[in-house]
Every structure is written in C-alpha cells, then in structure tokens.
C-alpha atoms as a PDB file:
ATOM      1  CA  MET A   1     290.020 244.014 208.131  1.00  0.00           C
ATOM      2  CA  SER A   2     292.596 241.571 209.434  1.00  0.00           C
ATOM      3  CA  GLY A   3     289.905 239.395 211.073  1.00  0.00           C
ATOM      4  CA  GLY A   4     287.950 238.745 207.875  1.00  0.00           C
ATOM      5  CA  ASN A   5     289.321 235.257 207.222  1.00  0.00           C
ATOM      6  CA  ASN A   6     288.417 234.062 210.702  1.00  0.00           C
ATOM      7  CA  ASP A   7     284.871 235.263 210.184  1.00  0.00           C
ATOM      8  CA  LYS A   8     284.621 233.207 207.075  1.00  0.00           C
ATOM      9  CA  LYS A   9     285.805 230.021 208.889  1.00  0.00           C
ATOM     10  CA  SER A  10     283.788 226.965 207.839  1.00  0.00           C
ATOM     11  CA  PHE A  11     281.010 225.707 210.141  1.00  0.00           C
ATOM     12  CA  TRP A  12     282.627 222.280 210.149  1.00  0.00           C
ATOM     13  CA  ASN A  13     285.687 223.779 211.728  1.00  0.00           C
ATOM     14  CA  THR A  14     283.661 225.011 214.632  1.00  0.00           C
ATOM     15  CA  LEU A  15     282.950 222.983 217.731  1.00  0.00           C
ATOM     16  CA  PRO A  16     279.271 222.569 216.846  1.00  0.00           C
ATOM     17  CA  GLY A  17     280.191 221.440 213.350  1.00  0.00           C
ATOM     18  CA  ILE A  18     282.753 218.972 214.617  1.00  0.00           C
ATOM     19  CA  LEU A  19     280.232 217.511 217.066  1.00  0.00           C
ATOM     20  CA  THR A  20     277.624 217.274 214.320  1.00  0.00           C
ATOM     21  CA  ALA A  21     280.081 215.448 212.055  1.00  0.00           C
ATOM     22  CA  ILE A  22     281.043 213.033 214.817  1.00  0.00           C
ATOM     23  CA  ALA A  23     277.346 212.265 215.483  1.00  0.00           C
ATOM     24  CA  ALA A  24     276.769 211.601 211.779  1.00  0.00           C
ATOM     25  CA  ILE A  25     279.723 209.201 211.614  1.00  0.00           C
ATOM     26  CA  ILE A  26     278.530 207.330 214.710  1.00  0.00           C
ATOM     27  CA  THR A  27     275.042 207.030 213.222  1.00  0.00           C
ATOM     28  CA  ALA A  28     276.467 205.708 209.945  1.00  0.00           C
ATOM     29  CA  ILE A  29     278.662 203.170 211.738  1.00  0.00           C
ATOM     30  CA  GLY A  30     275.671 201.977 213.775  1.00  0.00           C
ATOM     31  CA  GLY A  31     273.575 201.532 210.673  1.00  0.00           C
ATOM     32  CA  LEU A  32     276.362 199.594 209.024  1.00  0.00           C
ATOM     33  CA  LEU A  33     276.661 197.294 212.048  1.00  0.00           C
ATOM     34  CA  VAL A  34     272.908 196.626 211.936  1.00  0.00           C
ATOM     35  CA  ILE A  35     273.131 195.766 208.265  1.00  0.00           C
ATOM     36  CA  LEU A  36     276.082 193.472 208.898  1.00  0.00           C
ATOM     37  CA  ASP A  37     274.253 191.842 211.822  1.00  0.00           C
ATOM     38  CA  GLU A  38     271.148 191.277 209.658  1.00  0.00           C
ATOM     39  CA  ASP A  39     273.292 189.697 206.964  1.00  0.00           C
ATOM     40  CA  ASP A  40     274.854 187.316 209.487  1.00  0.00           C
ATOM     41  CA  THR A  41     271.433 186.110 210.885  1.00  0.00           C
ATOM     42  CA  GLN A  42     269.912 183.425 208.538  1.00  0.00           C
ATOM     43  CA  VAL A  43     266.654 181.406 209.047  1.00  0.00           C
ATOM     44  CA  GLU A  44     267.393 177.664 209.326  1.00  0.00           C
ATOM     45  CA  LEU A  45     265.321 174.874 207.764  1.00  0.00           C
ATOM     46  CA  PRO A  46     262.775 173.117 210.005  1.00  0.00           C
ATOM     47  CA  LYS A  47     263.930 170.036 211.862  1.00  0.00           C
ATOM     48  CA  ILE A  48     261.913 166.778 211.948  1.00  0.00           C
ATOM     49  CA  GLU A  49     262.590 165.268 215.351  1.00  0.00           C
ATOM     50  CA  GLN A  50     260.383 162.190 214.933  1.00  0.00           C
ATOM     51  CA  PHE A  51     258.191 160.511 212.335  1.00  0.00           C
ATOM     52  CA  ASP A  52     257.283 156.845 212.783  1.00  0.00           C
ATOM     53  CA  SER A  53     254.364 154.392 212.949  1.00  0.00           C
ATOM     54  CA  ASP A  54     253.283 151.847 215.546  1.00  0.00           C
ATOM     55  CA  PRO A  55     252.789 149.122 214.591  1.00  0.00           C
ATOM     56  CA  ALA A  56     254.633 149.259 211.302  1.00  0.00           C
ATOM     57  CA  LYS A  57     252.797 146.170 209.998  1.00  0.00           C
ATOM     58  CA  ILE A  58     249.026 145.592 210.198  1.00  0.00           C
ATOM     59  CA  ASN A  59     246.289 143.417 208.737  1.00  0.00           C
ATOM     60  CA  PRO A  60     243.489 144.906 206.613  1.00  0.00           C
ATOM     61  CA  GLY A  61     241.026 146.803 208.786  1.00  0.00           C
ATOM     62  CA  GLU A  62     243.499 147.361 211.626  1.00  0.00           C
ATOM     63  CA  ALA A  63     244.990 150.709 212.727  1.00  0.00           C
ATOM     64  CA  SER A  64     248.516 152.049 212.916  1.00  0.00           C
ATOM     65  CA  GLN A  65     249.423 155.215 214.833  1.00  0.00           C
ATOM     66  CA  LEU A  66     251.560 157.887 213.140  1.00  0.00           C
ATOM     67  CA  ARG A  67     253.723 159.926 215.562  1.00  0.00           C
ATOM     68  CA  TRP A  68     255.695 163.062 214.713  1.00  0.00           C
ATOM     69  CA  GLY A  69     257.519 166.029 216.154  1.00  0.00           C
ATOM     70  CA  VAL A  70     258.795 169.086 214.235  1.00  0.00           C
ATOM     71  CA  SER A  71     260.665 172.226 215.314  1.00  0.00           C
ATOM     72  CA  GLY A  72     261.306 175.516 213.480  1.00  0.00           C
ATOM     73  CA  ALA A  73     258.429 175.108 211.026  1.00  0.00           C
ATOM     74  CA  THR A  74     255.650 177.454 210.076  1.00  0.00           C
ATOM     75  CA  GLN A  75     253.546 174.719 208.464  1.00  0.00           C
ATOM     76  CA  THR A  76     253.459 170.935 208.681  1.00  0.00           C
ATOM     77  CA  THR A  77     251.492 168.521 206.486  1.00  0.00           C
ATOM     78  CA  ILE A  78     251.165 164.762 206.127  1.00  0.00           C
ATOM     79  CA  GLU A  79     250.074 163.066 202.932  1.00  0.00           C
ATOM     80  CA  PRO A  80     248.224 161.175 201.598  1.00  0.00           C
ATOM     81  CA  ARG A  81     244.745 162.060 202.858  1.00  0.00           C
ATOM     82  CA  ILE A  82     245.714 163.855 206.079  1.00  0.00           C
ATOM     83  CA  GLY A  83     246.794 167.444 205.254  1.00  0.00           C
ATOM     84  CA  ASN A  84     247.812 170.154 207.743  1.00  0.00           C
ATOM     85  CA  VAL A  85     248.736 168.960 211.226  1.00  0.00           C
ATOM     86  CA  ALA A  86     250.187 170.396 214.428  1.00  0.00           C
ATOM     87  CA  PHE A  87     253.938 170.459 214.824  1.00  0.00           C
ATOM     88  CA  THR A  88     253.752 167.601 217.290  1.00  0.00           C
ATOM     89  CA  GLY A  89     251.070 164.958 217.373  1.00  0.00           C
ATOM     90  CA  THR A  90     249.697 161.495 216.685  1.00  0.00           C
ATOM     91  CA  LYS A  91     247.045 160.136 214.318  1.00  0.00           C
ATOM     92  CA  HIS A  92     245.507 156.706 213.747  1.00  0.00           C
ATOM     93  CA  VAL A  93     245.374 155.600 210.136  1.00  0.00           C
ATOM     94  CA  PHE A  94     243.558 152.649 208.564  1.00  0.00           C
ATOM     95  CA  PRO A  95     245.163 152.014 205.164  1.00  0.00           C
ATOM     96  CA  SER A  96     243.636 149.224 203.091  1.00  0.00           C
ATOM     97  CA  LYS A  97     246.957 148.548 201.398  1.00  0.00           C
ATOM     98  CA  THR A  98     250.637 149.224 202.066  1.00  0.00           C
ATOM     99  CA  THR A  99     251.015 153.020 202.189  1.00  0.00           C
ATOM    100  CA  THR A 100     253.955 155.437 202.426  1.00  0.00           C
ATOM    101  CA  TYR A 101     253.146 158.578 204.436  1.00  0.00           C
ATOM    102  CA  THR A 102     255.173 161.779 203.831  1.00  0.00           C
ATOM    103  CA  LEU A 103     255.654 164.482 206.473  1.00  0.00           C
ATOM    104  CA  VAL A 104     256.545 167.914 205.039  1.00  0.00           C
ATOM    105  CA  ALA A 105     257.768 170.728 207.348  1.00  0.00           C
ATOM    106  CA  GLU A 106     258.121 174.269 205.887  1.00  0.00           C
ATOM    107  CA  ASN A 107     259.314 177.765 206.827  1.00  0.00           C
ATOM    108  CA  GLU A 108     260.824 180.818 205.075  1.00  0.00           C
ATOM    109  CA  ALA A 109     264.064 178.943 204.453  1.00  0.00           C
ATOM    110  CA  GLY A 110     262.426 176.017 202.634  1.00  0.00           C
ATOM    111  CA  SER A 111     261.039 172.561 203.432  1.00  0.00           C
ATOM    112  CA  VAL A 112     262.195 169.152 204.644  1.00  0.00           C
ATOM    113  CA  GLU A 113     260.520 165.760 204.328  1.00  0.00           C
ATOM    114  CA  ALA A 114     260.431 162.389 206.056  1.00  0.00           C
ATOM    115  CA  THR A 115     258.582 159.224 205.093  1.00  0.00           C
ATOM    116  CA  VAL A 116     257.268 156.194 206.928  1.00  0.00           C
ATOM    117  CA  GLU A 117     255.674 153.069 205.465  1.00  0.00           C
ATOM    118  CA  VAL A 118     252.741 151.196 206.995  1.00  0.00           C
ATOM    119  CA  LEU A 119     252.855 147.643 205.647  1.00  0.00           C
ATOM    120  CA  VAL A 120     249.425 146.050 205.200  1.00  0.00           C
ATOM    121  CA  GLU A 121     249.660 142.279 205.035  1.00  0.00           C
ATOM    122  CA  PRO A 122     247.518 140.940 202.191  1.00  0.00           C
ATOM    123  CA  GLU A 123     244.503 139.105 203.569  1.00  0.00           C
ATOM    124  CA  GLU A 124     244.981 135.391 203.009  1.00  0.00           C
ATOM    125  CA  LYS A 125     241.931 133.481 201.838  1.00  0.00           C
ATOM    126  CA  VAL A 126     241.425 129.758 202.054  1.00  0.00           C
ATOM    127  CA  PRO A 127     241.365 127.926 198.724  1.00  0.00           C
ATOM    128  CA  THR A 128     238.199 127.637 196.675  1.00  0.00           C
ATOM    129  CA  ILE A 129     236.977 124.263 195.435  1.00  0.00           C
ATOM    130  CA  GLY A 130     235.212 124.884 192.154  1.00  0.00           C
ATOM    131  CA  TYR A 131     233.818 121.367 192.005  1.00  0.00           C
ATOM    132  CA  PHE A 132     234.533 117.819 193.108  1.00  0.00           C
ATOM    133  CA  GLU A 133     232.355 115.222 191.469  1.00  0.00           C
ATOM    134  CA  LEU A 134     232.338 111.736 189.996  1.00  0.00           C
ATOM    135  CA  ASP A 135     230.812 110.053 186.995  1.00  0.00           C
ATOM    136  CA  PRO A 136     229.117 107.656 187.363  1.00  0.00           C
ATOM    137  CA  ALA A 137     228.143 107.828 191.027  1.00  0.00           C
ATOM    138  CA  GLY A 138     227.397 104.105 191.264  1.00  0.00           C
ATOM    139  CA  ILE A 139     229.330 101.127 189.924  1.00  0.00           C
ATOM    140  CA  CYS A 140     229.508  97.380 190.333  1.00  0.00           C
ATOM    141  CA  VAL A 141     232.571  95.624 191.686  1.00  0.00           C
ATOM    142  CA  GLY A 142     235.337  95.690 189.075  1.00  0.00           C
ATOM    143  CA  GLU A 143     233.994  98.733 187.229  1.00  0.00           C
ATOM    144  CA  ASN A 144     235.513 102.235 187.125  1.00  0.00           C
ATOM    145  CA  THR A 145     234.298 105.707 187.925  1.00  0.00           C
ATOM    146  CA  THR A 146     236.063 109.043 187.283  1.00  0.00           C
ATOM    147  CA  LEU A 147     236.747 111.738 189.857  1.00  0.00           C
ATOM    148  CA  ASN A 148     236.780 115.307 188.494  1.00  0.00           C
ATOM    149  CA  TRP A 149     237.905 118.400 190.402  1.00  0.00           C
ATOM    150  CA  THR A 150     239.167 121.940 190.147  1.00  0.00           C
ATOM    151  CA  VAL A 151     240.663 124.107 192.913  1.00  0.00           C
ATOM    152  CA  SER A 152     241.975 127.694 192.993  1.00  0.00           C
ATOM    153  CA  GLY A 153     244.223 129.457 195.489  1.00  0.00           C
ATOM    154  CA  ALA A 154     245.763 126.288 196.943  1.00  0.00           C
ATOM    155  CA  THR A 155     249.405 125.458 197.566  1.00  0.00           C
ATOM    156  CA  GLU A 156     248.636 121.776 198.013  1.00  0.00           C
ATOM    157  CA  VAL A 157     245.779 119.547 196.918  1.00  0.00           C
ATOM    158  CA  ALA A 158     245.259 115.920 197.921  1.00  0.00           C
ATOM    159  CA  ILE A 159     242.586 113.253 197.601  1.00  0.00           C
ATOM    160  CA  GLU A 160     242.118 110.478 200.113  1.00  0.00           C
ATOM    161  CA  PRO A 161     241.998 107.546 200.510  1.00  0.00           C
ATOM    162  CA  ARG A 162     244.806 105.947 198.491  1.00  0.00           C
ATOM    163  CA  ILE A 163     245.411 108.775 196.001  1.00  0.00           C
ATOM    164  CA  GLY A 164     247.488 111.474 197.697  1.00  0.00           C
ATOM    165  CA  ASN A 165     248.728 114.748 196.179  1.00  0.00           C
ATOM    166  CA  VAL A 166     247.178 115.837 192.894  1.00  0.00           C
ATOM    167  CA  ALA A 167     247.174 118.863 190.584  1.00  0.00           C
ATOM    168  CA  SER A 168     244.766 121.737 191.219  1.00  0.00           C
ATOM    169  CA  THR A 169     242.624 120.592 188.317  1.00  0.00           C
ATOM    170  CA  GLY A 170     242.357 117.048 187.063  1.00  0.00           C
ATOM    171  CA  THR A 171     240.619 113.711 186.705  1.00  0.00           C
ATOM    172  CA  ARG A 172     241.351 110.291 188.158  1.00  0.00           C
ATOM    173  CA  ARG A 173     239.818 106.910 187.410  1.00  0.00           C
ATOM    174  CA  VAL A 174     239.155 104.786 190.479  1.00  0.00           C
ATOM    175  CA  SER A 175     237.799 101.287 190.953  1.00  0.00           C
ATOM    176  CA  PRO A 176     237.022 100.771 194.645  1.00  0.00           C
ATOM    177  CA  ASP A 177     236.010  97.321 195.843  1.00  0.00           C
ATOM    178  CA  GLU A 178     233.356  98.755 198.118  1.00  0.00           C
ATOM    179  CA  THR A 179     231.337 101.910 198.618  1.00  0.00           C
ATOM    180  CA  THR A 180     233.964 104.579 199.317  1.00  0.00           C
ATOM    181  CA  THR A 181     233.918 108.239 200.317  1.00  0.00           C
ATOM    182  CA  TYR A 182     236.697 110.280 198.677  1.00  0.00           C
ATOM    183  CA  THR A 183     237.812 113.521 200.323  1.00  0.00           C
ATOM    184  CA  LEU A 184     239.428 116.386 198.417  1.00  0.00           C
ATOM    185  CA  ILE A 185     241.617 118.564 200.674  1.00  0.00           C
ATOM    186  CA  ALA A 186     242.893 121.950 199.443  1.00  0.00           C
ATOM    187  CA  GLU A 187     245.379 123.900 201.601  1.00  0.00           C
ATOM    188  CA  ASN A 188     247.257 127.197 201.729  1.00  0.00           C
ATOM    189  CA  GLU A 189     248.712 129.414 204.466  1.00  0.00           C
ATOM    190  CA  ALA A 190     245.232 130.628 205.455  1.00  0.00           C
ATOM    191  CA  GLY A 191     243.889 127.128 206.115  1.00  0.00           C
ATOM    192  CA  ASN A 192     242.210 124.285 204.300  1.00  0.00           C
ATOM    193  CA  VAL A 193     238.858 123.322 202.836  1.00  0.00           C
ATOM    194  CA  GLU A 194     237.413 119.918 202.035  1.00  0.00           C
ATOM    195  CA  ALA A 195     234.822 118.357 199.782  1.00  0.00           C
ATOM    196  CA  THR A 196     233.649 114.758 199.605  1.00  0.00           C
ATOM    197  CA  VAL A 197     231.997 112.454 197.108  1.00  0.00           C
ATOM    198  CA  GLU A 198     230.803 108.896 197.631  1.00  0.00           C
ATOM    199  CA  VAL A 199     231.225 106.127 195.094  1.00  0.00           C
ATOM    200  CA  LEU A 200     228.441 103.643 195.630  1.00  0.00           C
ATOM    201  CA  VAL A 201     229.731 100.174 194.818  1.00  0.00           C
ATOM    202  CA  GLU A 202     226.946  97.701 194.300  1.00  0.00           C
ATOM    203  CA  LEU A 203     228.000  94.316 195.648  1.00  0.00           C
ATOM    204  CA  PRO A 204     226.188  91.270 194.299  1.00  0.00           C
ATOM    205  CA  SER A 205     223.860  89.154 196.376  1.00  0.00           C
ATOM    206  CA  PRO A 206     225.581  86.086 197.825  1.00  0.00           C
ATOM    207  CA  ASP A 207     225.214  83.015 195.576  1.00  0.00           C
ATOM    208  CA  LEU A 208     224.584  80.272 198.153  1.00  0.00           C
ATOM    209  CA  ILE A 209     224.787  76.514 197.558  1.00  0.00           C
ATOM    210  CA  LEU A 210     224.595  73.406 199.756  1.00  0.00           C
ATOM    211  CA  ILE A 211     227.786  71.415 199.273  1.00  0.00           C
ATOM    212  CA  GLY A 212     226.952  68.467 201.536  1.00  0.00           C
ATOM    213  CA  THR A 213     226.509  67.201 205.060  1.00  0.00           C
ATOM    214  CA  GLU A 214     228.708  65.512 207.631  1.00  0.00           C
ATOM    215  CA  ASP A 215     228.270  63.931 211.024  1.00  0.00           C
ATOM    216  CA  HIS A 216     229.544  65.936 213.909  1.00  0.00           C
ATOM    217  CA  THR A 217     229.853  64.945 217.552  1.00  0.00           C
ATOM    218  CA  THR A 218     230.337  67.215 220.535  1.00  0.00           C
ATOM    219  CA  SER A 219     229.872  66.903 224.254  1.00  0.00           C
ATOM    220  CA  SER A 220     226.285  67.976 223.657  1.00  0.00           C
ATOM    221  CA  GLY A 221     225.531  64.984 221.412  1.00  0.00           C
ATOM    222  CA  ASN A 222     225.527  63.905 217.796  1.00  0.00           C
ATOM    223  CA  PHE A 223     224.710  66.359 215.033  1.00  0.00           C
ATOM    224  CA  THR A 224     224.352  66.571 211.291  1.00  0.00           C
ATOM    225  CA  ARG A 225     226.334  69.503 209.972  1.00  0.00           C
ATOM    226  CA  TYR A 226     225.052  71.131 206.787  1.00  0.00           C
ATOM    227  CA  LYS A 227     227.872  72.673 204.789  1.00  0.00           C
ATOM    228  CA  LEU A 228     227.164  75.816 202.773  1.00  0.00           C
ATOM    229  CA  SER A 229     229.274  77.913 200.394  1.00  0.00           C
ATOM    230  CA  VAL A 230     228.997  81.347 198.788  1.00  0.00           C
ATOM    231  CA  THR A 231     230.268  80.741 195.274  1.00  0.00           C
ATOM    232  CA  ASN A 232     230.867  84.409 194.430  1.00  0.00           C
ATOM    233  CA  TRP A 233     232.853  85.061 197.601  1.00  0.00           C
ATOM    234  CA  ASN A 234     235.642  86.763 195.646  1.00  0.00           C
ATOM    235  CA  ALA A 235     233.221  89.558 194.662  1.00  0.00           C
ATOM    236  CA  TYR A 236     233.438  90.890 198.216  1.00  0.00           C
ATOM    237  CA  PRO A 237     236.349  93.121 199.243  1.00  0.00           C
ATOM    238  CA  PRO A 238     238.640  92.097 202.121  1.00  0.00           C
ATOM    239  CA  GLU A 239     237.738  95.321 203.939  1.00  0.00           C
ATOM    240  CA  LEU A 240     234.318  93.874 204.703  1.00  0.00           C
ATOM    241  CA  PHE A 241     235.905  91.292 206.968  1.00  0.00           C
ATOM    242  CA  GLN A 242     238.527  93.355 208.751  1.00  0.00           C
ATOM    243  CA  ALA A 243     238.462  93.442 212.534  1.00  0.00           C
ATOM    244  CA  ALA A 244     236.290  96.303 213.759  1.00  0.00           C
ATOM    245  CA  PRO A 245     237.092  97.089 217.413  1.00  0.00           C
ATOM    246  CA  ASP A 246     235.221 100.382 217.085  1.00  0.00           C
ATOM    247  CA  LEU A 247     231.943  98.536 216.454  1.00  0.00           C
ATOM    248  CA  PRO A 248     229.921  96.615 219.082  1.00  0.00           C
ATOM    249  CA  PRO A 249     231.629  93.363 220.117  1.00  0.00           C
ATOM    250  CA  CYS A 250     230.404  89.856 219.468  1.00  0.00           C
ATOM    251  CA  GLY A 251     229.979  88.654 223.039  1.00  0.00           C
ATOM    252  CA  LEU A 252     233.423  89.009 224.603  1.00  0.00           C
ATOM    253  CA  ASN A 253     235.137  89.274 221.236  1.00  0.00           C
ATOM    254  CA  THR A 254     236.033  92.953 220.798  1.00  0.00           C
ATOM    255  CA  GLU A 255     237.881  92.196 217.550  1.00  0.00           C
ATOM    256  CA  SER A 256     234.887  90.820 215.709  1.00  0.00           C
ATOM    257  CA  SER A 257     234.712  91.515 212.002  1.00  0.00           C
ATOM    258  CA  ARG A 258     233.019  94.420 210.335  1.00  0.00           C
ATOM    259  CA  THR A 259     230.618  92.078 208.517  1.00  0.00           C
ATOM    260  CA  TRP A 260     228.679  89.374 210.292  1.00  0.00           C
ATOM    261  CA  VAL A 261     227.098  86.417 208.484  1.00  0.00           C
ATOM    262  CA  ASP A 262     223.843  84.935 209.752  1.00  0.00           C
ATOM    263  CA  ILE A 263     221.991  81.833 208.551  1.00  0.00           C
ATOM    264  CA  TYR A 264     218.176  81.935 208.562  1.00  0.00           C
ATOM    265  CA  ASP A 265     215.491  79.347 207.901  1.00  0.00           C
ATOM    266  CA  LEU A 266     212.699  80.042 205.471  1.00  0.00           C
ATOM    267  CA  ARG A 267     210.532  81.509 208.240  1.00  0.00           C
ATOM    268  CA  GLY A 268     213.179  84.151 208.918  1.00  0.00           C
ATOM    269  CA  ASP A 269     214.367  82.650 212.194  1.00  0.00           C
ATOM    270  CA  ARG A 270     218.086  82.870 212.803  1.00  0.00           C
ATOM    271  CA  ILE A 271     219.717  79.435 213.022  1.00  0.00           C
ATOM    272  CA  TYR A 272     223.386  80.237 213.373  1.00  0.00           C
ATOM    273  CA  GLY A 273     225.891  82.993 212.688  1.00  0.00           C
ATOM    274  CA  PHE A 274     229.534  83.943 212.219  1.00  0.00           C
ATOM    275  CA  CYS A 275     230.903  87.161 213.665  1.00  0.00           C
ATOM    276  CA  ALA A 276     234.637  86.709 213.280  1.00  0.00           C
ATOM    277  CA  LEU A 277     235.262  85.750 209.656  1.00  0.00           C
ATOM    278  CA  GLY A 278     238.571  87.274 208.651  1.00  0.00           C
ATOM    279  CA  SER A 279     238.405  86.987 204.863  1.00  0.00           C
ATOM    280  CA  PRO A 280     235.883  86.730 202.020  1.00  0.00           C
ATOM    281  CA  SER A 281     237.278  83.245 201.324  1.00  0.00           C
ATOM    282  CA  ASN A 282     235.764  82.115 204.631  1.00  0.00           C
ATOM    283  CA  LEU A 283     232.363  82.392 202.942  1.00  0.00           C
ATOM    284  CA  GLN A 284     233.155  79.055 201.288  1.00  0.00           C
ATOM    285  CA  ASN A 285     232.988  77.273 204.652  1.00  0.00           C
ATOM    286  CA  LEU A 286     229.686  78.199 206.262  1.00  0.00           C
ATOM    287  CA  TRP A 287     227.648  75.619 208.145  1.00  0.00           C
ATOM    288  CA  PHE A 288     224.921  74.979 210.652  1.00  0.00           C
ATOM    289  CA  ALA A 289     224.181  71.838 212.684  1.00  0.00           C
ATOM    290  CA  VAL A 290     220.979  69.973 213.535  1.00  0.00           C
ATOM    291  CA  LYS A 291     220.920  67.476 216.369  1.00  0.00           C
ATOM    292  CA  LYS A 292     220.295  63.899 215.343  1.00  0.00           C
ATOM    293  CA  GLY A 293     216.624  63.026 215.570  1.00  0.00           C
ATOM    294  CA  GLU A 294     215.490  66.643 215.140  1.00  0.00           C
ATOM    295  CA  THR A 295     213.913  68.002 211.968  1.00  0.00           C
ATOM    296  CA  SER A 296     216.151  70.094 209.769  1.00  0.00           C
ATOM    297  CA  PRO A 297     214.787  73.286 208.152  1.00  0.00           C
ATOM    298  CA  GLN A 298     213.274  72.950 204.699  1.00  0.00           C
ATOM    299  CA  GLY A 299     215.595  75.605 203.385  1.00  0.00           C
ATOM    300  CA  VAL A 300     218.006  78.354 204.421  1.00  0.00           C
ATOM    301  CA  TYR A 301     219.496  81.601 203.227  1.00  0.00           C
ATOM    302  CA  VAL A 302     222.337  83.793 204.511  1.00  0.00           C
ATOM    303  CA  VAL A 303     222.591  87.510 205.211  1.00  0.00           C
ATOM    304  CA  LEU A 304     225.891  89.397 205.093  1.00  0.00           C
ATOM    305  CA  LYS A 305     225.479  92.452 207.331  1.00  0.00           C
ATOM    306  CA  ASP A 306     228.018  95.229 206.781  1.00  0.00           C
ATOM    307  CA  ARG A 307     227.732  96.861 210.186  1.00  0.00           C
ATOM    308  CA  ARG A 308     229.754  99.925 209.294  1.00  0.00           C
ATOM    309  CA  ARG A 309     227.442 100.915 206.464  1.00  0.00           C
ATOM    310  CA  ASN A 310     224.342  99.227 207.831  1.00  0.00           C
ATOM    311  CA  GLN A 311     224.026  97.363 204.543  1.00  0.00           C
ATOM    312  CA  ASP A 312     222.604  93.833 204.164  1.00  0.00           C
ATOM    313  CA  TYR A 313     223.394  91.426 201.329  1.00  0.00           C
ATOM    314  CA  ILE A 314     220.795  88.629 201.183  1.00  0.00           C
ATOM    315  CA  SER A 315     221.447  85.380 199.374  1.00  0.00           C
ATOM    316  CA  ASN A 316     219.168  83.113 197.410  1.00  0.00           C
ATOM    317  CA  ARG A 317     217.304  80.368 199.260  1.00  0.00           C
ATOM    318  CA  VAL A 318     218.721  76.857 199.319  1.00  0.00           C
ATOM    319  CA  THR A 319     216.578  73.749 199.863  1.00  0.00           C
ATOM    320  CA  ILE A 320     217.874  71.373 202.522  1.00  0.00           C
END
C-alpha cells in the first residue's frame, strides 16, 4: 500500500489544478485592473466656451443677440425667460430694462454658470411744461403783469427776452414798454420744449397840439410850416423807433424806422409823413408845410403806424 499517499494527492497539486488556479488569479488581477481603471476615470464639469451679447447696450424696444457655446454638458439653460437651449446657439432678446442673463451648463459632475448683462439705456423724455401764463394779460405802459410757470424733467429753464435762466417753478413780475411775447424754454438731454405768452401793452393815443408856425423857404418857393408836437411822446417805448431793415424800406432808405408817422387832414388825405424818426422824443418836432397863397387844411391828426405789429395809434384832431 506504499502508493496510497500519492493517490490522495490534492487536486491543486495536479497540473489541471495548477492551471485552474493560475486562471483564477489572472481573472482576479484583470478584475482589479478594471476597478482601478474605473476609479481613475472621472467625469469633468462642462466647459462654457462663449457667452456674450451684441450689442451690449441698447435702447428700449431694440434687440441684442445672445451667443453661447458649451462643451461636455448634458443640459444647458439660459434665464430669465429663455429656458433649455442647444449647446451652441444664438438668440435675440428684447429686454425692457437692464437685464443679467445666466447660462447654466450641467452634467453628472455638476454645473457651471456664466452671466452677461444687456444694458438698456433709459428712454429720455423731453421736459414737460405744466403751464406758462400771465396775469393780467393786458396792461398799460408803466403797469406790471406776473408770469407764472411750472416745468418738470428739465435740466435748464429760461425765459426770454431779458429774463434768462429761472427755476423750474416760479413767478416773475414784468413791466414791458410795449406788447411783448415771452418764451419759456425747458431743456434736458432729450431736447427742448417751448411755450409762449403775449403781454398786450396798451399804448395811449398820441396827444397832438399845434405849437406854432414859421416861414420856410426852399428852392420850390415860400412856405408856411405848421409845427406839431405829441405831448405824451415819452409814453412810447424806444423800440418803436428802432431801425427796421427787415421791414419794407422807405424809398431808398433801407434803415427806416419800425414806426412811421403820417399827418392827415380832416378828410383823411395824407399830407406829409416821417419814416425815419429814431426816438420817441422826435414826436415833439413834427411839421407839415403849405405853400404861400394856398389854403391850409382846417385841421389835422397824426397816425403812428407800428409796422411790425400792424398797429395804428391815432391822435386827436387839431384845428389849424
């Protein structure tokens, strides 16, 4: 029975057993390598390649284009009010106010974000003139009237003529010598608006008197000159007698005055006139001439014609 121990030899000591054991070890090592390889391979976060807007600044009602590009993501969204989008793309947006858009890219590893702002310039509006008025609307020379106004949304407010910059709300007493149009101008970066009021200044009728006569000789013969004067001449503003080259000339005189003075007889026929008086004080030295031997008019009156305003001021009648 000397061979009994060899018969009882373990299977693992046999060639088939050894081969089986080697195969099992190789299988185990392979599985371990797979596990180690899986542990070494990690999913990376998505990458946002691009996220911008063009243009970055717009006016209300205009469009800006969002542009983006993402890699390694399973889902991409843009907020507000857009939602899921492709990984690469463009989209026009029309924000009514400055808005920050957020791009979110996600995968199994997590999420990344990027933001872009579309700046909406606030819409500038021209100022608003609440009111521009005067009280009273009509005055006599030497009296006052009051301008009243209110303006909103202006960076600068002015009243012309002869006042200049004023507060946005206020009052101002004025005493113009003649009918005057005042203009309120309100400005800001968006532009300007205007409003006007007219102060009607009632000028008195000329108070005409005959101050005498004198003999006058010219190359045309001998004349009697009748000298007239407007006693309330100082009630008329100097502006009435400024040169007015923008108005029709008096013959060849392109610098004739704004106001012409004509002398009429009692029938309404023009006798003589003055078109180049330079001052109200010249109203003290009016005259007309009648040739010796001819009949003088029974009476006369004068008319001051303000050509710019097409306004006549008619005097009383004077007996000659």
